[in-house]
Every structure is written in C-alpha cells, then in structure tokens.
Amino acid sequence: MGTVQGDLHDIGKNLVCLMAEGAGFEVHDLGTDVNASTYINALKEHKGSLVGRIALLTTTMTYMAKVIGAFEQEGMDDIKTCIGGAPVSQMFADEIGADGYGADAASAVDLFKDLIGSGVAKA
C-alpha cells in the first residue's frame, strides 16, 4: 500500500492500512511518494497478491496508470490493483485498468475481500 509518486498525503492510506490489518490482511505500508519500481520490489520481496495505491492530488492520479503499466512490463498480470483517493473514481479505475476502486477505507477493505478472499492475504 502506498501513496503514488509526487503525492505526500497519507491519512487515507493510513486508515486503509489499519482497517485492512484489522480484517486480517498482512499489509506492507510503503509510505508516500512511491514510484513504480518500489511497488514492484515490494511485491517481489513480500510475494504480495494485491497493491493499493492512493492519490489525493489530481496531478498525481495519472501516475497510477504508470504503475499498472510497469506491472504489465514485469509480467505481473496476476497482481490485483486497487486505487482510491479524493480525485479518483470507479470510472477512472476502469479507464486505467485497475481491478477496483475504494471510495473510502471500509469499501476498500470490502473490495480487497472480494478480490482475494477474506482469509489472511498480503496487501
């Protein structure tokens, strides 16, 4: 889980991380201003199955698509990608090829459960 490159906001990310951990997910918080290679390296290190990305600034939300493109270049098509944050929507998630959109922390955790099940998983 991380806030995308160029964005330093973390309150929403922190809420999602806390709620996901409370729901039984193993969460690795990558912090803020996270670039695509950091997401990829964390996935390789932790054998994750889901990546959550947050953006609060409209200027940084486009970086979410770059992260998905980097996953595709690495052959990581099996990784589920979720996005959230004030400027994004389900329509934007569909446009960039994300697997889901969480409007708030609670719906994000529900989305994680829908995508990979309710058992312990790495996010």
C-alpha atoms as a PDB file:
ATOM      1  CA  MET A   1       0.000   0.000   0.000  1.00  0.00           C
ATOM      2  CA  GLY A   2       1.334   3.411  -0.827  1.00  0.00           C
ATOM      3  CA  THR A   3       0.631   6.950  -1.918  1.00  0.00           C
ATOM      4  CA  VAL A   4       1.791   7.381  -5.513  1.00  0.00           C
ATOM      5  CA  GLN A   5       4.859   9.274  -6.633  1.00  0.00           C
ATOM      6  CA  GLY A   6       4.536  13.028  -6.301  1.00  0.00           C
ATOM      7  CA  ASP A   7       1.920  12.868  -3.538  1.00  0.00           C
ATOM      8  CA  LEU A   8       2.730  13.171   0.163  1.00  0.00           C
ATOM      9  CA  HIS A   9      -0.748  12.714   1.638  1.00  0.00           C
ATOM     10  CA  ASP A  10      -1.137   9.715   3.907  1.00  0.00           C
ATOM     11  CA  ILE A  11      -4.204   9.972   6.154  1.00  0.00           C
ATOM     12  CA  GLY A  12      -6.449   7.934   3.824  1.00  0.00           C
ATOM     13  CA  LYS A  13      -3.695   5.393   3.180  1.00  0.00           C
ATOM     14  CA  ASN A  14      -3.112   5.007   6.885  1.00  0.00           C
ATOM     15  CA  LEU A  15      -6.834   4.413   7.524  1.00  0.00           C
ATOM     16  CA  VAL A  16      -7.000   1.769   4.795  1.00  0.00           C
ATOM     17  CA  CYS A  17      -3.883   0.055   6.182  1.00  0.00           C
ATOM     18  CA  LEU A  18      -5.320  -0.036   9.712  1.00  0.00           C
ATOM     19  CA  MET A  19      -8.687  -1.374   8.598  1.00  0.00           C
ATOM     20  CA  ALA A  20      -7.135  -3.959   6.280  1.00  0.00           C
ATOM     21  CA  GLU A  21      -4.882  -5.217   9.078  1.00  0.00           C
ATOM     22  CA  GLY A  22      -7.913  -5.380  11.364  1.00  0.00           C
ATOM     23  CA  ALA A  23      -9.648  -7.514   8.746  1.00  0.00           C
ATOM     24  CA  GLY A  24      -6.757  -9.988   8.746  1.00  0.00           C
ATOM     25  CA  PHE A  25      -4.702  -8.784   5.783  1.00  0.00           C
ATOM     26  CA  GLU A  26      -0.915  -8.609   6.023  1.00  0.00           C
ATOM     27  CA  VAL A  27      -0.173  -5.046   4.952  1.00  0.00           C
ATOM     28  CA  HIS A  28       3.134  -3.538   3.888  1.00  0.00           C
ATOM     29  CA  ASP A  29       2.908   0.262   4.035  1.00  0.00           C
ATOM     30  CA  LEU A  30       5.366   1.723   1.536  1.00  0.00           C
ATOM     31  CA  GLY A  31       4.674   5.285   2.638  1.00  0.00           C
ATOM     32  CA  THR A  32       4.237   8.302   0.399  1.00  0.00           C
ATOM     33  CA  ASP A  33       5.758   9.414  -2.904  1.00  0.00           C
ATOM     34  CA  VAL A  34       6.097   5.768  -4.008  1.00  0.00           C
ATOM     35  CA  ASN A  35       7.392   5.069  -7.510  1.00  0.00           C
ATOM     36  CA  ALA A  36       6.598   2.039  -9.670  1.00  0.00           C
ATOM     37  CA  SER A  37       9.890   0.255  -9.008  1.00  0.00           C
ATOM     38  CA  THR A  38       9.306   0.456  -5.242  1.00  0.00           C
ATOM     39  CA  TYR A  39       5.910  -1.233  -5.656  1.00  0.00           C
ATOM     40  CA  ILE A  40       7.463  -3.917  -7.870  1.00  0.00           C
ATOM     41  CA  ASN A  41      10.366  -4.572  -5.497  1.00  0.00           C
ATOM     42  CA  ALA A  42       7.988  -4.839  -2.525  1.00  0.00           C
ATOM     43  CA  LEU A  43       5.812  -7.323  -4.415  1.00  0.00           C
ATOM     44  CA  LYS A  44       8.827  -9.455  -5.241  1.00  0.00           C
ATOM     45  CA  GLU A  45      10.118  -9.312  -1.666  1.00  0.00           C
ATOM     46  CA  HIS A  46       6.814  -9.992   0.097  1.00  0.00           C
ATOM     47  CA  LYS A  47       5.122 -12.167  -2.556  1.00  0.00           C
ATOM     48  CA  GLY A  48       2.059  -9.913  -2.446  1.00  0.00           C
ATOM     49  CA  SER A  49      -1.156 -10.513  -4.312  1.00  0.00           C
ATOM     50  CA  LEU A  50      -2.734  -7.059  -4.097  1.00  0.00           C
ATOM     51  CA  VAL A  51      -1.483  -3.487  -4.440  1.00  0.00           C
ATOM     52  CA  GLY A  52      -3.345  -0.460  -3.168  1.00  0.00           C
ATOM     53  CA  ARG A  53      -2.464   2.992  -4.412  1.00  0.00           C
ATOM     54  CA  ILE A  54      -3.768   6.290  -3.074  1.00  0.00           C
ATOM     55  CA  ALA A  55      -3.675   9.769  -4.603  1.00  0.00           C
ATOM     56  CA  LEU A  56      -5.095  12.993  -3.235  1.00  0.00           C
ATOM     57  CA  LEU A  57      -3.781  15.355  -5.891  1.00  0.00           C
ATOM     58  CA  THR A  58      -5.262  15.355  -9.389  1.00  0.00           C
ATOM     59  CA  THR A  59      -1.752  15.905 -10.720  1.00  0.00           C
ATOM     60  CA  THR A  60      -0.565  12.584  -9.259  1.00  0.00           C
ATOM     61  CA  MET A  61      -3.513  10.340 -10.077  1.00  0.00           C
ATOM     62  CA  THR A  62      -2.215   9.753 -13.607  1.00  0.00           C
ATOM     63  CA  TYR A  63       0.837   8.021 -12.092  1.00  0.00           C
ATOM     64  CA  MET A  64      -1.477   5.186 -11.062  1.00  0.00           C
ATOM     65  CA  ALA A  65      -1.704   4.116 -14.714  1.00  0.00           C
ATOM     66  CA  LYS A  66       2.095   4.138 -14.980  1.00  0.00           C
ATOM     67  CA  VAL A  67       2.311   1.699 -12.075  1.00  0.00           C
ATOM     68  CA  ILE A  68      -0.118  -0.677 -13.812  1.00  0.00           C
ATOM     69  CA  GLY A  69       1.966  -0.392 -16.985  1.00  0.00           C
ATOM     70  CA  ALA A  70       5.111  -1.239 -15.017  1.00  0.00           C
ATOM     71  CA  PHE A  71       3.418  -4.340 -13.581  1.00  0.00           C
ATOM     72  CA  GLU A  72       2.491  -5.446 -17.099  1.00  0.00           C
ATOM     73  CA  GLN A  73       6.086  -4.947 -18.295  1.00  0.00           C
ATOM     74  CA  GLU A  74       7.292  -7.113 -15.396  1.00  0.00           C
ATOM     75  CA  GLY A  75       4.776  -9.853 -16.240  1.00  0.00           C
ATOM     76  CA  MET A  76       2.879  -9.277 -13.003  1.00  0.00           C
ATOM     77  CA  ASP A  77      -0.573  -9.596 -14.561  1.00  0.00           C
ATOM     78  CA  ASP A  78      -1.785 -11.732 -11.652  1.00  0.00           C
ATOM     79  CA  ILE A  79      -1.402  -8.859  -9.164  1.00  0.00           C
ATOM     80  CA  LYS A  80      -4.705  -7.222  -8.247  1.00  0.00           C
ATOM     81  CA  THR A  81      -4.505  -3.434  -8.286  1.00  0.00           C
ATOM     82  CA  CYS A  82      -6.806  -1.143  -6.335  1.00  0.00           C
ATOM     83  CA  ILE A  83      -6.960   2.628  -6.243  1.00  0.00           C
ATOM     84  CA  GLY A  84      -8.538   5.253  -4.044  1.00  0.00           C
ATOM     85  CA  GLY A  85      -8.375   8.880  -3.049  1.00  0.00           C
ATOM     86  CA  ALA A  86     -10.398  12.035  -3.479  1.00  0.00           C
ATOM     87  CA  PRO A  87      -9.785  12.704  -7.197  1.00  0.00           C
ATOM     88  CA  VAL A  88     -10.287   9.122  -8.436  1.00  0.00           C
ATOM     89  CA  SER A  89     -13.457   7.185  -9.209  1.00  0.00           C
ATOM     90  CA  GLN A  90     -14.654   3.831 -10.471  1.00  0.00           C
ATOM     91  CA  MET A  91     -14.714   5.335 -13.960  1.00  0.00           C
ATOM     92  CA  PHE A  92     -11.034   6.302 -13.646  1.00  0.00           C
ATOM     93  CA  ALA A  93     -10.200   2.832 -12.273  1.00  0.00           C
ATOM     94  CA  ASP A  94     -11.864   1.268 -15.317  1.00  0.00           C
ATOM     95  CA  GLU A  95     -10.065   3.677 -17.643  1.00  0.00           C
ATOM     96  CA  ILE A  96      -6.582   2.792 -16.367  1.00  0.00           C
ATOM     97  CA  GLY A  97      -7.234  -0.938 -15.970  1.00  0.00           C
ATOM     98  CA  ALA A  98      -7.271  -1.121 -12.165  1.00  0.00           C
ATOM     99  CA  ASP A  99      -9.085  -4.118 -10.676  1.00  0.00           C
ATOM    100  CA  GLY A 100     -11.065  -1.961  -8.300  1.00  0.00           C
ATOM    101  CA  TYR A 101     -11.791   1.351  -6.622  1.00  0.00           C
ATOM    102  CA  GLY A 102     -12.442   2.026  -2.954  1.00  0.00           C
ATOM    103  CA  ALA A 103     -14.381   5.198  -2.192  1.00  0.00           C
ATOM    104  CA  ASP A 104     -13.370   5.043   1.477  1.00  0.00           C
ATOM    105  CA  ALA A 105     -11.413   2.814   3.850  1.00  0.00           C
ATOM    106  CA  ALA A 106     -14.316   0.475   4.628  1.00  0.00           C
ATOM    107  CA  SER A 107     -15.229  -0.069   0.984  1.00  0.00           C
ATOM    108  CA  ALA A 108     -11.552  -0.591   0.152  1.00  0.00           C
ATOM    109  CA  VAL A 109     -11.341  -3.468   2.628  1.00  0.00           C
ATOM    110  CA  ASP A 110     -14.563  -4.942   1.216  1.00  0.00           C
ATOM    111  CA  LEU A 111     -13.011  -4.685  -2.241  1.00  0.00           C
ATOM    112  CA  PHE A 112      -9.864  -6.492  -1.050  1.00  0.00           C
ATOM    113  CA  LYS A 113     -12.023  -9.292   0.336  1.00  0.00           C
ATOM    114  CA  ASP A 114     -13.938  -9.552  -2.937  1.00  0.00           C
ATOM    115  CA  LEU A 115     -10.749  -9.664  -4.999  1.00  0.00           C
ATOM    116  CA  ILE A 116      -8.679 -12.140  -2.992  1.00  0.00           C
ATOM    117  CA  GLY A 117     -10.935 -13.585  -0.336  1.00  0.00           C
ATOM    118  CA  SER A 118     -11.475 -12.873   3.311  1.00  0.00           C
ATOM    119  CA  GLY A 119      -8.635 -15.021   4.642  1.00  0.00           C
ATOM    120  CA  VAL A 120      -5.204 -13.706   5.521  1.00  0.00           C
ATOM    121  CA  ALA A 121      -3.621 -12.236   2.423  1.00  0.00           C
ATOM    122  CA  LYS A 122      -0.743  -9.928   1.663  1.00  0.00           C
ATOM    123  CA  ALA A 123      -1.681  -6.420   0.578  1.00  0.00           C
END
